[in-house]
Each structure stands twice: as structure tokens, then as C-alpha cells.
Amino acid sequence: MKTLKIPEWCYLIIVAIPFIYLAIIWNDLDEKIPLHFNYKGEIDRWGGKIQLIVIPILLPLLTYLIMLFAPKIDPKKRIDEMGNKYDRIKFFLVLFMSALACYIIYAVKKESLNINSMFLLIGFFIAVLGNYMQTVKPNYFIGVKTPWTLENESVWKKTHVMTGKLWMIAGTFVIIASLLIPKDFFSKVFIATILAIAFIPIVYSYIIYKKQAKD
């Protein structure tokens, strides 16, 4: 059974939510608001509330525009071949960015950031994106785009199956670790995890490519 394509007006509503939320609480915000929190959730930079408008613009709106126009400028139209899989990735990314924007705005209003909640959200994002990563077909915009994956479709497929599983495990690990490991130490663990899921797929794609070339 063919999955129905998500209409664009649904995305527009999702993108609009943080803008609407910001408009509702705008008069309740002080002119001077927290603009940055450190890894402990402590405020370390303040600024004017007008700068808060950048958050919904850079997160859900920019993500939506990139995902909207990527298929149109794809030189080989490979994104179109993904069909509903691309649509689901697009929906998840826009929804996540909208939720993240709302959470950041809420934290600014309360002048307090629950760092554990932030890491739980990021861990969930990594795990779900890993699930989608396993089904991504070769293209120039989404996925592990190395010279070796783009040149060989088999290398692309094997790399993304491995990457998807790696990201799902890493996302789950981030969720659990954020609840069990002290904040001071967890920030280092988190950075190490992000670096690992970024570089391991690159190295893996090279190894797979060389192995296939040798065979």
C-alpha cells in the first residue's frame, strides 16, 4: 500500500508553531534574556530578546527550506527516487527542529535549561535518524557523502546500513548515559560520541571501498 505524501501545509503549520509560541510569550519576556547556556545548563551570555527570533528561523524554517528545495536542485534527481522515504525524513527533521526551537524558547523564558532534557532530545534525534539512515539511497544531500560511497552504490548501501545501526546505538547510549553519568563528565562523553558517529562511517566507507576494489 502506497503511503500518502505529507502535504506542504502540514510543514508550514509545524514551522509556524515556534513563531506563534514566541509571539504569545513575547510581552512576558524581559528585554534582557539569556542567549546561551553552558554544558551544566547555566547561563553564560545575555542579550536583547529581539535576537530570539533567529531560533525559529535557523531551526525549523531553514531546515524546511533546505529539504524543500534539495530535490529541485539535485543534479541527478536521486532524491526523487527515494519517494516517501525522503518525505518521512523531511517530516521528522522539520518536526524535531520545531520542537527544539520551542524548547529553547521555553528555557529562555524560564531562564533555566534542563541539560538532561536537552541530551535526551538529542539522543532521541540521533537514534531515530539512524533508523532512517539505513534506507537512504545514493544522493548528494543526505547521508554519508564520501568519494567512496558516491562512486560505488554497494559501498553506499553497506556504509549506511552500518551507520544507521551505529547511530541508533549511539542515540540510545546518549539517552541512558545522560541519566546516569555526572554532568561534568558526560559532556566529554557526549563530544566523544558525536565525533565517533561522524568519523567511523567515513573510515568504514573507505575500508569497504578498498576491500571491494581488491576483490
C-alpha atoms as a PDB file:
ATOM      1  CA  MET A   1       0.000   0.000   0.000  1.00  0.00           C
ATOM      2  CA  LYS A   2       1.417   3.359  -1.046  1.00  0.00           C
ATOM      3  CA  THR A   3       1.945   5.895   1.737  1.00  0.00           C
ATOM      4  CA  LEU A   4       0.298   9.253   1.125  1.00  0.00           C
ATOM      5  CA  LYS A   5       2.644  12.198   0.692  1.00  0.00           C
ATOM      6  CA  ILE A   6       2.552  14.697   3.551  1.00  0.00           C
ATOM      7  CA  PRO A   7       1.049  17.971   2.224  1.00  0.00           C
ATOM      8  CA  GLU A   8       3.164  21.100   2.403  1.00  0.00           C
ATOM      9  CA  TRP A   9       0.620  22.913   4.581  1.00  0.00           C
ATOM     10  CA  CYS A  10       1.409  20.425   7.377  1.00  0.00           C
ATOM     11  CA  TYR A  11       5.042  21.508   7.274  1.00  0.00           C
ATOM     12  CA  LEU A  12       4.047  25.163   7.302  1.00  0.00           C
ATOM     13  CA  ILE A  13       1.989  24.611  10.449  1.00  0.00           C
ATOM     14  CA  ILE A  14       4.882  22.797  12.142  1.00  0.00           C
ATOM     15  CA  VAL A  15       7.317  25.575  11.150  1.00  0.00           C
ATOM     16  CA  ALA A  16       4.894  28.231  12.414  1.00  0.00           C
ATOM     17  CA  ILE A  17       4.471  26.707  15.899  1.00  0.00           C
ATOM     18  CA  PRO A  18       7.657  28.177  17.496  1.00  0.00           C
ATOM     19  CA  PHE A  19       6.946  31.558  15.863  1.00  0.00           C
ATOM     20  CA  ILE A  20       3.430  31.519  17.339  1.00  0.00           C
ATOM     21  CA  TYR A  21       4.734  30.395  20.734  1.00  0.00           C
ATOM     22  CA  LEU A  22       7.317  33.189  20.718  1.00  0.00           C
ATOM     23  CA  ALA A  23       4.645  35.746  19.787  1.00  0.00           C
ATOM     24  CA  ILE A  24       2.409  34.578  22.647  1.00  0.00           C
ATOM     25  CA  ILE A  25       5.103  34.957  25.315  1.00  0.00           C
ATOM     26  CA  TRP A  26       6.841  37.972  23.753  1.00  0.00           C
ATOM     27  CA  ASN A  27       5.405  40.573  26.147  1.00  0.00           C
ATOM     28  CA  ASP A  28       6.262  38.374  29.142  1.00  0.00           C
ATOM     29  CA  LEU A  29       9.948  38.300  28.231  1.00  0.00           C
ATOM     30  CA  ASP A  30      12.400  40.742  29.749  1.00  0.00           C
ATOM     31  CA  GLU A  31      14.310  42.987  27.369  1.00  0.00           C
ATOM     32  CA  LYS A  32      17.486  41.231  28.515  1.00  0.00           C
ATOM     33  CA  ILE A  33      17.313  37.451  28.126  1.00  0.00           C
ATOM     34  CA  PRO A  34      19.745  34.505  28.346  1.00  0.00           C
ATOM     35  CA  LEU A  35      21.202  33.727  24.925  1.00  0.00           C
ATOM     36  CA  HIS A  36      23.479  30.848  25.814  1.00  0.00           C
ATOM     37  CA  PHE A  37      23.725  28.078  28.400  1.00  0.00           C
ATOM     38  CA  ASN A  38      26.871  26.097  29.198  1.00  0.00           C
ATOM     39  CA  TYR A  39      27.097  22.300  29.464  1.00  0.00           C
ATOM     40  CA  LYS A  40      25.793  22.491  33.043  1.00  0.00           C
ATOM     41  CA  GLY A  41      22.686  24.367  31.974  1.00  0.00           C
ATOM     42  CA  GLU A  42      23.982  27.614  33.494  1.00  0.00           C
ATOM     43  CA  ILE A  43      23.521  30.972  31.754  1.00  0.00           C
ATOM     44  CA  ASP A  44      26.806  32.354  30.414  1.00  0.00           C
ATOM     45  CA  ARG A  45      25.634  35.009  27.939  1.00  0.00           C
ATOM     46  CA  TRP A  46      22.827  37.585  27.888  1.00  0.00           C
ATOM     47  CA  GLY A  47      21.388  39.760  25.150  1.00  0.00           C
ATOM     48  CA  GLY A  48      18.338  41.521  23.732  1.00  0.00           C
ATOM     49  CA  LYS A  49      15.162  39.489  23.236  1.00  0.00           C
ATOM     50  CA  ILE A  50      14.938  40.524  19.572  1.00  0.00           C
ATOM     51  CA  GLN A  51      17.761  38.034  18.911  1.00  0.00           C
ATOM     52  CA  LEU A  52      15.424  35.224  19.949  1.00  0.00           C
ATOM     53  CA  ILE A  53      13.674  35.450  16.568  1.00  0.00           C
ATOM     54  CA  VAL A  54      16.756  33.844  14.993  1.00  0.00           C
ATOM     55  CA  ILE A  55      15.997  30.493  16.695  1.00  0.00           C
ATOM     56  CA  PRO A  56      12.809  29.540  14.799  1.00  0.00           C
ATOM     57  CA  ILE A  57      14.314  30.959  11.611  1.00  0.00           C
ATOM     58  CA  LEU A  58      17.533  28.923  11.769  1.00  0.00           C
ATOM     59  CA  LEU A  59      15.987  25.708  13.098  1.00  0.00           C
ATOM     60  CA  PRO A  60      12.578  24.715  11.615  1.00  0.00           C
ATOM     61  CA  LEU A  61      12.290  27.305   8.836  1.00  0.00           C
ATOM     62  CA  LEU A  62      15.774  26.881   7.370  1.00  0.00           C
ATOM     63  CA  THR A  63      15.549  23.085   7.695  1.00  0.00           C
ATOM     64  CA  TYR A  64      12.225  23.088   5.856  1.00  0.00           C
ATOM     65  CA  LEU A  65      13.532  25.290   3.037  1.00  0.00           C
ATOM     66  CA  ILE A  66      16.641  23.144   2.566  1.00  0.00           C
ATOM     67  CA  MET A  67      14.582  19.936   2.471  1.00  0.00           C
ATOM     68  CA  LEU A  68      12.040  21.563   0.157  1.00  0.00           C
ATOM     69  CA  PHE A  69      14.499  22.748  -2.468  1.00  0.00           C
ATOM     70  CA  ALA A  70      17.088  19.952  -2.272  1.00  0.00           C
ATOM     71  CA  PRO A  71      15.160  17.666  -4.689  1.00  0.00           C
ATOM     72  CA  LYS A  72      14.749  20.561  -7.124  1.00  0.00           C
ATOM     73  CA  ILE A  73      18.491  21.239  -7.378  1.00  0.00           C
ATOM     74  CA  ASP A  74      19.585  17.593  -7.191  1.00  0.00           C
ATOM     75  CA  PRO A  75      21.541  17.232 -10.466  1.00  0.00           C
ATOM     76  CA  LYS A  76      20.753  13.545 -10.967  1.00  0.00           C
ATOM     77  CA  LYS A  77      17.293  13.559  -9.330  1.00  0.00           C
ATOM     78  CA  ARG A  78      18.301  10.756  -6.972  1.00  0.00           C
ATOM     79  CA  ILE A  79      16.269  12.214  -4.109  1.00  0.00           C
ATOM     80  CA  ASP A  80      13.113  11.748  -6.167  1.00  0.00           C
ATOM     81  CA  GLU A  81      13.924   8.047  -6.360  1.00  0.00           C
ATOM     82  CA  MET A  82      13.656   7.842  -2.565  1.00  0.00           C
ATOM     83  CA  GLY A  83       9.949   8.651  -2.762  1.00  0.00           C
ATOM     84  CA  ASN A  84       8.154   8.596   0.585  1.00  0.00           C
ATOM     85  CA  LYS A  85      11.359   7.755   2.460  1.00  0.00           C
ATOM     86  CA  TYR A  86      12.636  11.264   1.792  1.00  0.00           C
ATOM     87  CA  ASP A  87       9.257  12.674   2.789  1.00  0.00           C
ATOM     88  CA  ARG A  88       9.425  10.883   6.145  1.00  0.00           C
ATOM     89  CA  ILE A  89      12.979  12.121   6.786  1.00  0.00           C
ATOM     90  CA  LYS A  90      11.899  15.643   5.876  1.00  0.00           C
ATOM     91  CA  PHE A  91       8.915  15.453   8.230  1.00  0.00           C
ATOM     92  CA  PHE A  92      10.978  14.131  11.132  1.00  0.00           C
ATOM     93  CA  LEU A  93      13.718  16.752  10.721  1.00  0.00           C
ATOM     94  CA  VAL A  94      11.286  19.673  10.497  1.00  0.00           C
ATOM     95  CA  LEU A  95       9.239  18.361  13.442  1.00  0.00           C
ATOM     96  CA  PHE A  96      12.345  17.861  15.576  1.00  0.00           C
ATOM     97  CA  MET A  97      13.729  21.310  14.785  1.00  0.00           C
ATOM     98  CA  SER A  98      10.380  22.897  15.604  1.00  0.00           C
ATOM     99  CA  ALA A  99      10.229  21.046  18.938  1.00  0.00           C
ATOM    100  CA  LEU A 100      13.840  22.018  19.691  1.00  0.00           C
ATOM    101  CA  ALA A 101      13.104  25.681  18.914  1.00  0.00           C
ATOM    102  CA  CYS A 102      10.088  25.626  21.252  1.00  0.00           C
ATOM    103  CA  TYR A 103      12.144  24.014  23.991  1.00  0.00           C
ATOM    104  CA  ILE A 104      14.935  26.591  23.687  1.00  0.00           C
ATOM    105  CA  ILE A 105      12.430  29.461  23.754  1.00  0.00           C
ATOM    106  CA  TYR A 106      10.795  27.904  26.817  1.00  0.00           C
ATOM    107  CA  ALA A 107      14.189  27.588  28.537  1.00  0.00           C
ATOM    108  CA  VAL A 108      14.938  31.227  27.758  1.00  0.00           C
ATOM    109  CA  LYS A 109      11.608  32.302  29.243  1.00  0.00           C
ATOM    110  CA  LYS A 110      12.261  30.298  32.415  1.00  0.00           C
ATOM    111  CA  GLU A 111      15.923  31.413  32.417  1.00  0.00           C
ATOM    112  CA  SER A 112      16.810  27.803  33.152  1.00  0.00           C
ATOM    113  CA  LEU A 113      17.866  24.923  30.915  1.00  0.00           C
ATOM    114  CA  ASN A 114      17.396  21.312  31.988  1.00  0.00           C
ATOM    115  CA  ILE A 115      20.515  19.914  30.364  1.00  0.00           C
ATOM    116  CA  ASN A 116      19.365  16.308  30.841  1.00  0.00           C
ATOM    117  CA  SER A 117      16.202  17.007  28.867  1.00  0.00           C
ATOM    118  CA  MET A 118      18.283  18.547  26.096  1.00  0.00           C
ATOM    119  CA  PHE A 119      20.533  15.496  25.851  1.00  0.00           C
ATOM    120  CA  LEU A 120      17.508  13.182  25.944  1.00  0.00           C
ATOM    121  CA  LEU A 121      16.076  15.093  22.992  1.00  0.00           C
ATOM    122  CA  ILE A 122      19.362  14.924  21.083  1.00  0.00           C
ATOM    123  CA  GLY A 123      19.768  11.217  21.838  1.00  0.00           C
ATOM    124  CA  PHE A 124      16.270  10.531  20.541  1.00  0.00           C
ATOM    125  CA  PHE A 125      17.048  12.550  17.409  1.00  0.00           C
ATOM    126  CA  ILE A 126      20.237  10.569  16.703  1.00  0.00           C
ATOM    127  CA  ALA A 127      18.512   7.214  17.254  1.00  0.00           C
ATOM    128  CA  VAL A 128      15.522   7.974  15.006  1.00  0.00           C
ATOM    129  CA  LEU A 129      17.718   9.485  12.298  1.00  0.00           C
ATOM    130  CA  GLY A 130      19.836   6.326  12.450  1.00  0.00           C
ATOM    131  CA  ASN A 131      16.745   4.277  11.714  1.00  0.00           C
ATOM    132  CA  TYR A 132      16.095   6.324   8.578  1.00  0.00           C
ATOM    133  CA  MET A 133      19.770   6.334   7.590  1.00  0.00           C
ATOM    134  CA  GLN A 134      19.706   2.633   6.762  1.00  0.00           C
ATOM    135  CA  THR A 135      17.250   3.185   3.897  1.00  0.00           C
ATOM    136  CA  VAL A 136      18.767   6.317   2.329  1.00  0.00           C
ATOM    137  CA  LYS A 137      19.601   5.851  -1.336  1.00  0.00           C
ATOM    138  CA  PRO A 138      22.656   7.435  -3.024  1.00  0.00           C
ATOM    139  CA  ASN A 139      22.302  11.218  -3.353  1.00  0.00           C
ATOM    140  CA  TYR A 140      24.321  14.407  -2.911  1.00  0.00           C
ATOM    141  CA  PHE A 141      22.443  15.926   0.047  1.00  0.00           C
ATOM    142  CA  ILE A 142      21.614  13.335   2.734  1.00  0.00           C
ATOM    143  CA  GLY A 143      23.816  10.650   4.224  1.00  0.00           C
ATOM    144  CA  VAL A 144      27.495   9.744   4.396  1.00  0.00           C
ATOM    145  CA  LYS A 145      28.756  11.511   1.289  1.00  0.00           C
ATOM    146  CA  THR A 146      32.363  10.415   0.794  1.00  0.00           C
ATOM    147  CA  PRO A 147      34.169   9.902  -2.531  1.00  0.00           C
ATOM    148  CA  TRP A 148      33.856   6.156  -1.985  1.00  0.00           C
ATOM    149  CA  THR A 149      30.124   5.992  -1.217  1.00  0.00           C
ATOM    150  CA  LEU A 150      29.254   8.324  -4.094  1.00  0.00           C
ATOM    151  CA  GLU A 151      31.314   6.294  -6.554  1.00  0.00           C
ATOM    152  CA  ASN A 152      30.026   2.848  -5.590  1.00  0.00           C
ATOM    153  CA  GLU A 153      26.372   2.110  -4.789  1.00  0.00           C
ATOM    154  CA  SER A 154      27.277  -1.077  -2.927  1.00  0.00           C
ATOM    155  CA  VAL A 155      29.682   0.852  -0.691  1.00  0.00           C
ATOM    156  CA  TRP A 156      26.939   3.435  -0.101  1.00  0.00           C
ATOM    157  CA  LYS A 157      24.433   0.773   0.947  1.00  0.00           C
ATOM    158  CA  LYS A 158      26.800  -1.089   3.287  1.00  0.00           C
ATOM    159  CA  THR A 159      28.055   2.152   4.823  1.00  0.00           C
ATOM    160  CA  HIS A 160      24.545   3.418   5.530  1.00  0.00           C
ATOM    161  CA  VAL A 161      23.335   0.134   6.992  1.00  0.00           C
ATOM    162  CA  MET A 162      26.285   0.201   9.395  1.00  0.00           C
ATOM    163  CA  THR A 163      25.868   3.952  10.073  1.00  0.00           C
ATOM    164  CA  GLY A 164      22.177   3.549  10.805  1.00  0.00           C
ATOM    165  CA  LYS A 165      22.829   0.837  13.382  1.00  0.00           C
ATOM    166  CA  LEU A 166      25.715   2.832  14.862  1.00  0.00           C
ATOM    167  CA  TRP A 167      23.568   5.947  15.244  1.00  0.00           C
ATOM    168  CA  MET A 168      20.696   4.008  16.806  1.00  0.00           C
ATOM    169  CA  ILE A 169      23.074   2.513  19.374  1.00  0.00           C
ATOM    170  CA  ALA A 170      24.754   5.904  19.964  1.00  0.00           C
ATOM    171  CA  GLY A 171      21.426   7.679  20.385  1.00  0.00           C
ATOM    172  CA  THR A 172      20.242   5.105  22.907  1.00  0.00           C
ATOM    173  CA  PHE A 173      23.583   5.379  24.701  1.00  0.00           C
ATOM    174  CA  VAL A 174      23.278   9.178  24.919  1.00  0.00           C
ATOM    175  CA  ILE A 175      19.789   8.873  26.404  1.00  0.00           C
ATOM    176  CA  ILE A 176      20.866   6.361  29.065  1.00  0.00           C
ATOM    177  CA  ALA A 177      24.231   7.991  29.807  1.00  0.00           C
ATOM    178  CA  SER A 178      22.656  11.439  30.278  1.00  0.00           C
ATOM    179  CA  LEU A 179      20.614   9.983  33.127  1.00  0.00           C
ATOM    180  CA  LEU A 180      23.423   8.051  34.808  1.00  0.00           C
ATOM    181  CA  ILE A 181      26.689   9.914  34.231  1.00  0.00           C
ATOM    182  CA  PRO A 182      27.511  13.148  36.157  1.00  0.00           C
ATOM    183  CA  LYS A 183      27.110  16.295  34.035  1.00  0.00           C
ATOM    184  CA  ASP A 184      30.754  17.372  34.282  1.00  0.00           C
ATOM    185  CA  PHE A 185      31.982  14.084  32.839  1.00  0.00           C
ATOM    186  CA  PHE A 186      29.080  13.450  30.476  1.00  0.00           C
ATOM    187  CA  SER A 187      29.899  16.492  28.340  1.00  0.00           C
ATOM    188  CA  LYS A 188      33.194  14.822  27.409  1.00  0.00           C
ATOM    189  CA  VAL A 189      31.451  11.505  26.768  1.00  0.00           C
ATOM    190  CA  PHE A 190      28.903  13.267  24.558  1.00  0.00           C
ATOM    191  CA  ILE A 191      31.553  15.016  22.454  1.00  0.00           C
ATOM    192  CA  ALA A 192      33.451  11.737  22.049  1.00  0.00           C
ATOM    193  CA  THR A 193      30.229  10.003  20.956  1.00  0.00           C
ATOM    194  CA  ILE A 194      29.444  12.673  18.353  1.00  0.00           C
ATOM    195  CA  LEU A 195      32.982  12.520  16.950  1.00  0.00           C
ATOM    196  CA  ALA A 196      32.763   8.725  16.783  1.00  0.00           C
ATOM    197  CA  ILE A 197      29.476   8.609  14.849  1.00  0.00           C
ATOM    198  CA  ALA A 198      30.820  11.282  12.492  1.00  0.00           C
ATOM    199  CA  PHE A 199      34.209   9.730  11.656  1.00  0.00           C
ATOM    200  CA  ILE A 200      33.611   5.968  11.938  1.00  0.00           C
ATOM    201  CA  PRO A 201      31.295   5.893   8.873  1.00  0.00           C
ATOM    202  CA  ILE A 202      33.893   7.806   6.832  1.00  0.00           C
ATOM    203  CA  VAL A 203      36.652   5.350   7.717  1.00  0.00           C
ATOM    204  CA  TYR A 204      34.316   2.402   7.228  1.00  0.00           C
ATOM    205  CA  SER A 205      33.320   3.551   3.724  1.00  0.00           C
ATOM    206  CA  TYR A 206      37.000   3.764   2.750  1.00  0.00           C
ATOM    207  CA  ILE A 207      37.742   0.280   4.109  1.00  0.00           C
ATOM    208  CA  ILE A 208      34.731  -1.230   2.292  1.00  0.00           C
ATOM    209  CA  TYR A 209      35.690   0.529  -0.939  1.00  0.00           C
ATOM    210  CA  LYS A 210      39.287  -0.709  -0.783  1.00  0.00           C
ATOM    211  CA  LYS A 211      38.144  -4.230   0.034  1.00  0.00           C
ATOM    212  CA  GLN A 212      35.778  -4.337  -2.934  1.00  0.00           C
ATOM    213  CA  ALA A 213      38.417  -2.863  -5.234  1.00  0.00           C
ATOM    214  CA  LYS A 214      40.855  -5.562  -4.120  1.00  0.00           C
ATOM    215  CA  ASP A 215      38.298  -8.348  -4.624  1.00  0.00           C
END
